[in-house]
Protein backbone atom coordinates (compact mmCIF):
# COMPACT_ATOMS: atom_id res chain seq x y z
CA UNK A 1 15.53 -11.08 -13.64
CA UNK A 2 18.65 -10.54 -11.55
CA UNK A 3 18.29 -9.24 -8.01
CA UNK A 4 20.12 -6.02 -8.91
CA UNK A 5 17.54 -5.22 -11.60
CA UNK A 6 14.68 -5.83 -9.16
CA UNK A 7 16.54 -3.66 -6.65
CA UNK A 8 16.77 -0.82 -9.18
CA UNK A 9 12.99 -0.95 -9.80
CA UNK A 10 12.23 -1.05 -6.07
CA UNK A 11 14.53 1.91 -5.39
CA UNK A 12 13.00 3.94 -8.22
CA UNK A 13 9.51 3.60 -6.71
CA UNK A 14 10.61 5.27 -3.45
CA UNK A 15 13.29 7.61 -4.85
CA UNK A 16 13.19 11.25 -3.78
CA UNK A 17 10.54 10.59 -1.07
CA UNK A 18 8.01 9.38 -3.61
CA UNK A 19 5.38 6.83 -2.58
CA UNK A 20 2.78 4.48 -4.02
CA UNK A 21 -0.82 5.16 -5.00
CA UNK A 22 -2.92 2.10 -4.15
CA UNK A 23 -5.56 2.25 -6.90
CA UNK A 24 -6.19 -1.50 -6.70
CA UNK A 25 -9.62 -1.45 -5.07
CA UNK A 26 -11.60 -4.53 -6.06
CA UNK A 27 -14.85 -4.00 -7.94
CA UNK A 28 -16.74 -4.57 -4.68
CA UNK A 29 -14.62 -2.11 -2.71
CA UNK A 30 -14.76 0.71 -5.24
CA UNK A 31 -18.54 0.24 -5.44
CA UNK A 32 -18.69 1.15 -1.74
CA UNK A 33 -16.55 4.24 -2.41
CA UNK A 34 -18.77 5.26 -5.33
CA UNK A 35 -21.97 4.57 -3.38
CA UNK A 36 -20.80 7.06 -0.75
CA UNK A 37 -20.62 9.84 -3.37
CA UNK A 38 -23.71 8.79 -5.34
CA UNK A 39 -21.88 7.47 -8.42
CA UNK A 40 -22.89 4.25 -10.17
CA UNK A 41 -20.03 1.74 -10.26
CA UNK A 42 -19.91 0.99 -13.98
CA UNK A 43 -16.75 -0.06 -15.80
CA UNK A 44 -16.67 3.29 -17.61
CA UNK A 45 -17.06 5.30 -14.38
CA UNK A 46 -14.28 3.28 -12.77
CA UNK A 47 -12.08 3.91 -15.81
CA UNK A 48 -12.90 7.61 -15.82
CA UNK A 49 -12.01 7.95 -12.15
CA UNK A 50 -8.68 6.14 -12.51
CA UNK A 51 -7.99 8.29 -15.59
CA UNK A 52 -8.50 11.38 -13.40
CA UNK A 53 -5.87 10.12 -10.95
CA UNK A 54 -3.30 8.87 -13.45
CA UNK A 55 -3.37 11.99 -15.65
CA UNK A 56 -3.02 14.47 -12.77
CA UNK A 57 -0.26 16.88 -13.88
CA UNK A 58 2.72 16.86 -11.54
CA UNK A 59 1.66 13.80 -9.54
CA UNK A 60 4.68 11.89 -10.86
CA UNK A 61 6.87 14.13 -8.69
CA UNK A 62 5.29 12.57 -5.59
CA UNK A 63 4.11 9.13 -6.75
CA UNK A 64 6.68 6.58 -7.91
CA UNK A 65 4.36 3.61 -8.40
CA UNK A 66 0.67 2.82 -8.85
CA UNK A 67 -0.96 -0.49 -7.86
CA UNK A 68 -3.60 -1.46 -10.41
CA UNK A 69 -6.47 -3.95 -10.24
CA UNK A 70 -6.97 -6.68 -12.87
CA UNK A 71 -9.68 -4.63 -14.61
CA UNK A 72 -7.68 -1.41 -14.48
CA UNK A 73 -4.43 -2.77 -15.96
CA UNK A 74 -6.45 -3.67 -19.07
CA UNK A 75 -8.05 -0.23 -19.42
CA UNK A 76 -6.85 2.88 -21.24
CA UNK A 77 -6.81 6.63 -20.81
CA UNK A 78 -9.19 8.97 -22.63
CA UNK A 79 -6.76 9.19 -25.56
CA UNK A 80 -6.55 5.40 -25.90
CA UNK A 81 -3.15 4.96 -24.21
CA UNK A 82 -3.15 1.81 -22.01
CA UNK A 83 -2.88 2.82 -18.35
CA UNK A 84 0.42 0.96 -17.75
CA UNK A 85 1.95 2.70 -20.79
CA UNK A 86 0.63 6.09 -19.64
CA UNK A 87 2.13 5.66 -16.17
CA UNK A 88 5.48 4.42 -17.49
CA UNK A 89 5.70 7.41 -19.85
CA UNK A 90 5.55 9.68 -16.77
CA UNK A 91 8.29 7.71 -14.99
CA UNK A 92 5.75 6.00 -12.68
CA UNK A 93 6.14 2.23 -12.25
CA UNK A 94 2.92 0.28 -12.98
CA UNK A 95 2.05 -2.44 -10.45
CA UNK A 96 -0.65 -5.06 -10.01
CA UNK A 97 -2.57 -6.56 -7.10
CA UNK A 98 -2.39 -10.35 -7.49
CA UNK A 99 -4.00 -11.82 -4.37
CA UNK A 100 -7.62 -12.95 -4.57
CA UNK A 101 -8.63 -11.70 -1.14
CA UNK A 102 -8.69 -12.93 2.45
CA UNK A 103 -10.93 -15.91 3.25
CA UNK A 104 -11.86 -17.57 6.55
CA UNK A 105 -9.03 -19.73 7.89
CA UNK A 106 -10.38 -23.26 8.40
CA UNK A 107 -10.45 -24.29 12.04
CA UNK A 108 -9.61 -20.79 13.29
CA UNK A 109 -12.72 -18.64 13.86
CA UNK A 110 -12.14 -14.92 13.37
CA UNK A 111 -8.95 -15.37 11.37
CA UNK A 112 -8.19 -15.06 7.66
CA UNK A 113 -5.79 -16.46 5.08
CA UNK A 114 -5.18 -14.84 1.70
CA UNK A 115 -5.84 -16.95 -1.39
CA UNK A 116 -4.60 -16.69 -4.98
CA UNK A 117 -1.47 -18.84 -5.29
CA UNK A 118 -3.05 -21.34 -7.70
CA UNK A 119 -2.23 -20.33 -11.26
CA UNK A 120 -0.19 -17.33 -10.08
CA UNK A 121 2.87 -18.12 -12.23
CA UNK A 122 0.77 -17.89 -15.41
CA UNK A 123 -0.94 -14.71 -14.21
CA UNK A 124 2.44 -13.13 -13.50
CA UNK A 125 3.55 -13.89 -17.05
CA UNK A 126 0.44 -12.17 -18.41
CA UNK A 127 0.77 -9.16 -16.10
CA UNK A 128 4.42 -8.70 -17.06
CA UNK A 129 3.31 -8.63 -20.69
CA UNK A 130 0.71 -6.00 -19.82
CA UNK A 131 3.44 -3.80 -18.31
CA UNK A 132 3.41 -4.56 -14.58
CA UNK A 133 6.83 -4.24 -12.96
CA UNK A 134 5.81 -4.65 -9.34
CA UNK A 135 3.02 -6.52 -7.56
CA UNK A 136 1.22 -6.65 -4.23
CA UNK A 137 -0.17 -9.37 -1.96
CA UNK A 138 -1.99 -8.49 1.28
CA UNK A 139 -2.24 -10.70 4.34
CA UNK A 140 -4.72 -9.73 7.07
CA UNK A 141 -3.89 -10.26 10.76
CA UNK A 142 -6.69 -9.64 13.27
CA UNK A 143 -6.09 -8.80 16.94
CA UNK A 144 -8.68 -10.21 19.30
CA UNK A 145 -9.31 -12.56 22.20
CA UNK A 146 -6.73 -15.33 21.74
CA UNK A 147 -5.81 -14.22 18.21
CA UNK A 148 -3.76 -14.04 16.15
CA UNK A 149 -2.80 -17.69 16.57
CA UNK A 150 0.58 -19.05 15.51
CA UNK A 151 -1.25 -21.04 12.82
CA UNK A 152 -2.66 -17.86 11.26
CA UNK A 153 0.69 -16.08 11.33
CA UNK A 154 2.52 -19.06 9.84
CA UNK A 155 0.12 -19.74 6.95
CA UNK A 156 0.03 -16.07 5.96
CA UNK A 157 3.82 -15.71 6.17
CA UNK A 158 4.19 -18.86 4.05
CA UNK A 159 1.76 -17.55 1.40
CA UNK A 160 3.46 -14.13 1.31
CA UNK A 161 6.84 -15.79 0.72
CA UNK A 162 5.52 -18.13 -1.99
CA UNK A 163 3.93 -15.15 -3.72
CA UNK A 164 7.13 -13.08 -3.44
CA UNK A 165 9.28 -15.87 -4.89
CA UNK A 166 6.94 -16.27 -7.87
CA UNK A 167 6.88 -12.51 -8.40
CA UNK A 168 10.66 -12.24 -8.49
CA UNK A 169 10.87 -15.27 -10.81
CA UNK A 170 8.67 -13.31 -13.25
CA UNK A 171 10.89 -10.21 -13.05
CA UNK A 172 8.32 -8.34 -10.96
CA UNK A 173 9.17 -6.63 -7.65
CA UNK A 174 6.92 -7.97 -4.85
CA UNK A 175 5.37 -5.65 -2.31
CA UNK A 176 4.89 -7.83 0.75
CA UNK A 177 1.94 -6.57 2.81
CA UNK A 178 1.32 -8.16 6.22
CA UNK A 179 -1.39 -5.91 7.69
CA UNK A 180 -2.11 -6.07 11.40
CA UNK A 181 -5.57 -4.51 11.48
CA UNK A 182 -6.27 -1.47 13.69
CA UNK A 183 -10.01 -2.16 14.03
CA UNK A 184 -10.05 -3.60 17.57
CA UNK A 185 -9.75 -1.99 21.02
CA UNK A 186 -6.15 -3.08 21.63
CA UNK A 187 -3.44 -0.86 23.07
CA UNK A 188 -0.44 0.31 21.06
CA UNK A 189 1.68 -2.08 23.14
CA UNK A 190 -0.41 -5.01 21.90
CA UNK A 191 -0.05 -3.77 18.30
CA UNK A 192 3.74 -3.63 18.79
CA UNK A 193 3.78 -7.20 20.07
CA UNK A 194 1.65 -8.63 17.24
CA UNK A 195 3.42 -6.61 14.51
CA UNK A 196 6.79 -7.79 15.83
CA UNK A 197 5.73 -11.47 15.80
CA UNK A 198 4.24 -11.08 12.33
CA UNK A 199 7.32 -9.45 10.80
CA UNK A 200 9.64 -11.97 12.45
CA UNK A 201 7.79 -14.89 10.86
CA UNK A 202 7.40 -13.17 7.49
CA UNK A 203 11.13 -12.50 7.12
CA UNK A 204 11.99 -15.97 8.40
CA UNK A 205 9.78 -17.44 5.66
CA UNK A 206 11.07 -15.07 2.96
CA UNK A 207 14.59 -16.23 3.80
CA UNK A 208 13.55 -19.91 3.84
CA UNK A 209 12.06 -19.60 0.35
CA UNK A 210 15.02 -17.75 -1.15
CA UNK A 211 13.39 -14.38 -1.73
CA UNK A 212 15.96 -11.67 -2.52
CA UNK A 213 15.29 -9.06 0.16
CA UNK A 214 17.03 -6.38 -1.89
CA UNK A 215 14.44 -6.93 -4.65
CA UNK A 216 11.23 -6.34 -2.65
CA UNK A 217 9.36 -3.64 -0.79
CA UNK A 218 7.55 -4.01 2.55
CA UNK A 219 4.05 -2.57 3.02
CA UNK A 220 3.28 -2.83 6.74
CA UNK A 221 0.92 -1.25 9.22
CA UNK A 222 2.19 1.42 11.56
CA UNK A 223 2.37 0.47 15.24
CA UNK A 224 -0.74 2.25 16.39
CA UNK A 225 -3.59 2.08 18.91
CA UNK A 226 -6.66 0.07 17.93
CA UNK A 227 -9.60 2.23 16.84
CA UNK A 228 -11.59 1.23 19.93
CA UNK A 229 -8.81 1.81 22.44
CA UNK A 230 -9.76 4.55 24.94
CA UNK A 231 -6.18 5.85 24.87
CA UNK A 232 -5.07 6.87 21.39
CA UNK A 233 -1.31 7.19 21.03
CA UNK A 234 -0.07 10.47 19.58
CA UNK A 235 2.12 10.65 16.48
CA UNK A 236 5.39 10.86 18.45
CA UNK A 237 4.66 7.57 20.24
CA UNK A 238 3.46 5.91 17.03
CA UNK A 239 6.78 6.88 15.43
CA UNK A 240 8.91 5.72 18.34
CA UNK A 241 7.21 2.33 18.66
CA UNK A 242 7.02 1.74 14.91
CA UNK A 243 10.72 2.35 14.34
CA UNK A 244 11.64 0.32 17.44
CA UNK A 245 9.66 -2.63 16.10
CA UNK A 246 11.09 -2.36 12.59
CA UNK A 247 14.70 -1.97 13.70
CA UNK A 248 14.29 -5.29 15.52
CA UNK A 249 12.59 -7.17 12.68
CA UNK A 250 13.21 -5.65 9.21
CA UNK A 251 16.64 -6.23 7.63
CA UNK A 252 18.45 -3.06 6.56
CA UNK A 253 18.89 -4.40 3.01
CA UNK A 254 15.15 -4.04 2.26
CA UNK A 255 15.16 -1.11 -0.22
CA UNK A 256 12.01 0.57 1.07
CA UNK A 257 9.11 0.50 3.52
CA UNK A 258 5.83 1.94 2.21
CA UNK A 259 3.28 2.17 5.01
CA UNK A 260 -0.41 1.40 4.54
CA UNK A 261 -2.90 3.85 6.00
CA UNK A 262 -5.16 1.17 7.48
CA UNK A 263 -8.30 3.28 7.83
CA UNK A 264 -6.62 6.39 9.26
CA UNK A 265 -7.95 9.72 8.07
CA UNK A 266 -5.97 11.57 5.42
CA UNK A 267 -4.41 13.94 7.96
CA UNK A 268 -3.67 11.20 10.54
CA UNK A 269 -1.89 9.10 7.92
CA UNK A 270 0.22 12.07 6.84
CA UNK A 271 1.00 13.22 10.39
CA UNK A 272 2.05 9.74 11.54
CA UNK A 273 4.20 9.15 8.45
CA UNK A 274 5.92 12.49 9.05
CA UNK A 275 6.70 11.60 12.67
CA UNK A 276 8.00 8.14 11.66
CA UNK A 277 10.20 9.65 8.95
CA UNK A 278 11.69 12.12 11.43
CA UNK A 279 12.78 9.24 13.69
CA UNK A 280 14.05 7.38 10.63
CA UNK A 281 15.89 4.14 10.05
CA UNK A 282 18.22 2.43 7.56
CA UNK A 283 15.49 2.14 4.89
CA UNK A 284 13.66 4.76 2.80
CA UNK A 285 10.29 5.31 4.51
CA UNK A 286 7.26 6.31 2.47
CA UNK A 287 3.58 5.62 1.82
CA UNK A 288 1.35 3.24 -0.11
CA UNK A 289 -2.05 4.77 0.52
CA UNK A 290 -5.49 4.15 -0.95
CA UNK A 291 -8.21 6.04 0.87
CA UNK A 292 -5.69 8.37 2.53
CA UNK A 293 -4.68 9.64 -0.94
CA UNK A 294 -8.09 9.49 -2.60
CA UNK A 295 -10.86 10.47 -0.17
CA UNK A 296 -10.73 14.20 -0.91
CA UNK A 297 -10.33 13.59 -4.64
CA UNK A 298 -13.42 11.36 -4.73
CA UNK A 299 -15.43 13.93 -2.79
CA UNK A 300 -14.35 16.76 -5.10
CA UNK A 301 -15.08 14.75 -8.28
CA UNK A 302 -18.37 13.03 -7.39
CA UNK A 303 -18.65 11.64 -10.92
CA UNK A 304 -19.03 15.05 -12.57
CA UNK A 305 -16.90 15.54 -15.72
CA UNK A 306 -16.84 19.26 -14.92
CA UNK A 307 -15.15 18.49 -11.59
CA UNK A 308 -12.21 16.44 -12.91
CA UNK A 309 -9.79 19.33 -12.34
CA UNK A 310 -11.05 19.80 -8.77
CA UNK A 311 -10.53 16.09 -8.14
CA UNK A 312 -7.02 16.26 -9.55
CA UNK A 313 -6.19 19.30 -7.42
CA UNK A 314 -7.32 17.44 -4.29
CA UNK A 315 -5.32 14.33 -5.23
CA UNK A 316 -2.18 16.31 -6.04
CA UNK A 317 -2.43 18.17 -2.73
CA UNK A 318 -2.53 14.94 -0.73
CA UNK A 319 0.27 13.39 -2.77
CA UNK A 320 2.44 16.43 -2.14
CA UNK A 321 1.67 16.46 1.58
CA UNK A 322 2.61 12.78 1.88
CA UNK A 323 5.82 13.21 -0.10
CA UNK A 324 6.74 15.98 2.34
CA UNK A 325 5.86 13.65 5.22
CA UNK A 326 8.09 10.93 3.74
CA UNK A 327 10.91 13.47 3.98
CA UNK A 328 9.89 14.49 7.52
CA UNK A 329 9.14 17.99 6.23
CA UNK A 330 5.36 18.14 6.73
CA UNK A 331 3.63 20.30 9.33
CA UNK A 332 0.00 21.08 10.21
CA UNK A 333 0.75 24.77 9.59
CA UNK A 334 2.04 23.96 6.08
CA UNK A 335 -1.05 21.83 5.41
CA UNK A 336 -3.34 24.71 6.34
CA UNK A 337 -1.28 27.30 4.45
CA UNK A 338 -1.24 25.27 1.23
CA UNK A 339 -4.96 24.49 1.54
CA UNK A 340 -5.70 28.19 2.00
């Protein structure tokens, strides 16, 4: 597929301040989510929950793309419509997670490398046939004593670029996700430094491997204080440092940046996105959230068929709040007023 066609798909996902719903939790991850609300993680329960999200009336006004898991892209809505077809009928682009998870990096204790390149060309061909028009690959970068090492950053950048090239070859827009984790006790300054190094190497490798930057989306972490840091930066500083870092490292031709929430609470993720959007840059800025879009919906649903509408209301509320944040139009007062 030509770069301009990939560019059109990428732009449509983030058009009008829309973002991405990350509904690509692995079977193991969604089991943890279901365990927390007392729901058994069966294939039918997983299907029913994704059906709740994907059929939420009006969500297509705020969500431009949905990342699916291998199981989910093969499932169908209550009326028998395959999920990718259902999403596409609402103007929402169906996507697919293609990496096979982060594994220990040999010779580098405490560091990870993402696997899944073997056989990826054939999997892309199948996923395109199933309706996927964008994909996602996540690399995990850990901050710690003496890490990340250059070796870790290089192997993950290389894998991200190989993945992105294969995705574009298949006519599928790649979402490149280099996540610098926020789980440590590092300062926001340290996060800025590591995020800057990571993005520099990722874009260097994307260029080396001939990836069309206009036909991809970037899914990065925000520049933020580690969870264990005694000084937690406020939203204004998160925004200032994030945009500073990205202006230095992310080419303006990238058609969109969709931030991951990285374990932030629903409100934190919305507030920080709003502050970042108000500072702004040459790219559309939006969200690609999992837990930060779904936590309230899961809690409202709790596996009860009678609570589907309550779950949808909670999901739609968060989607709307984040779409407002992507426009820089969110406020805590508005959040409270709408909730009331």
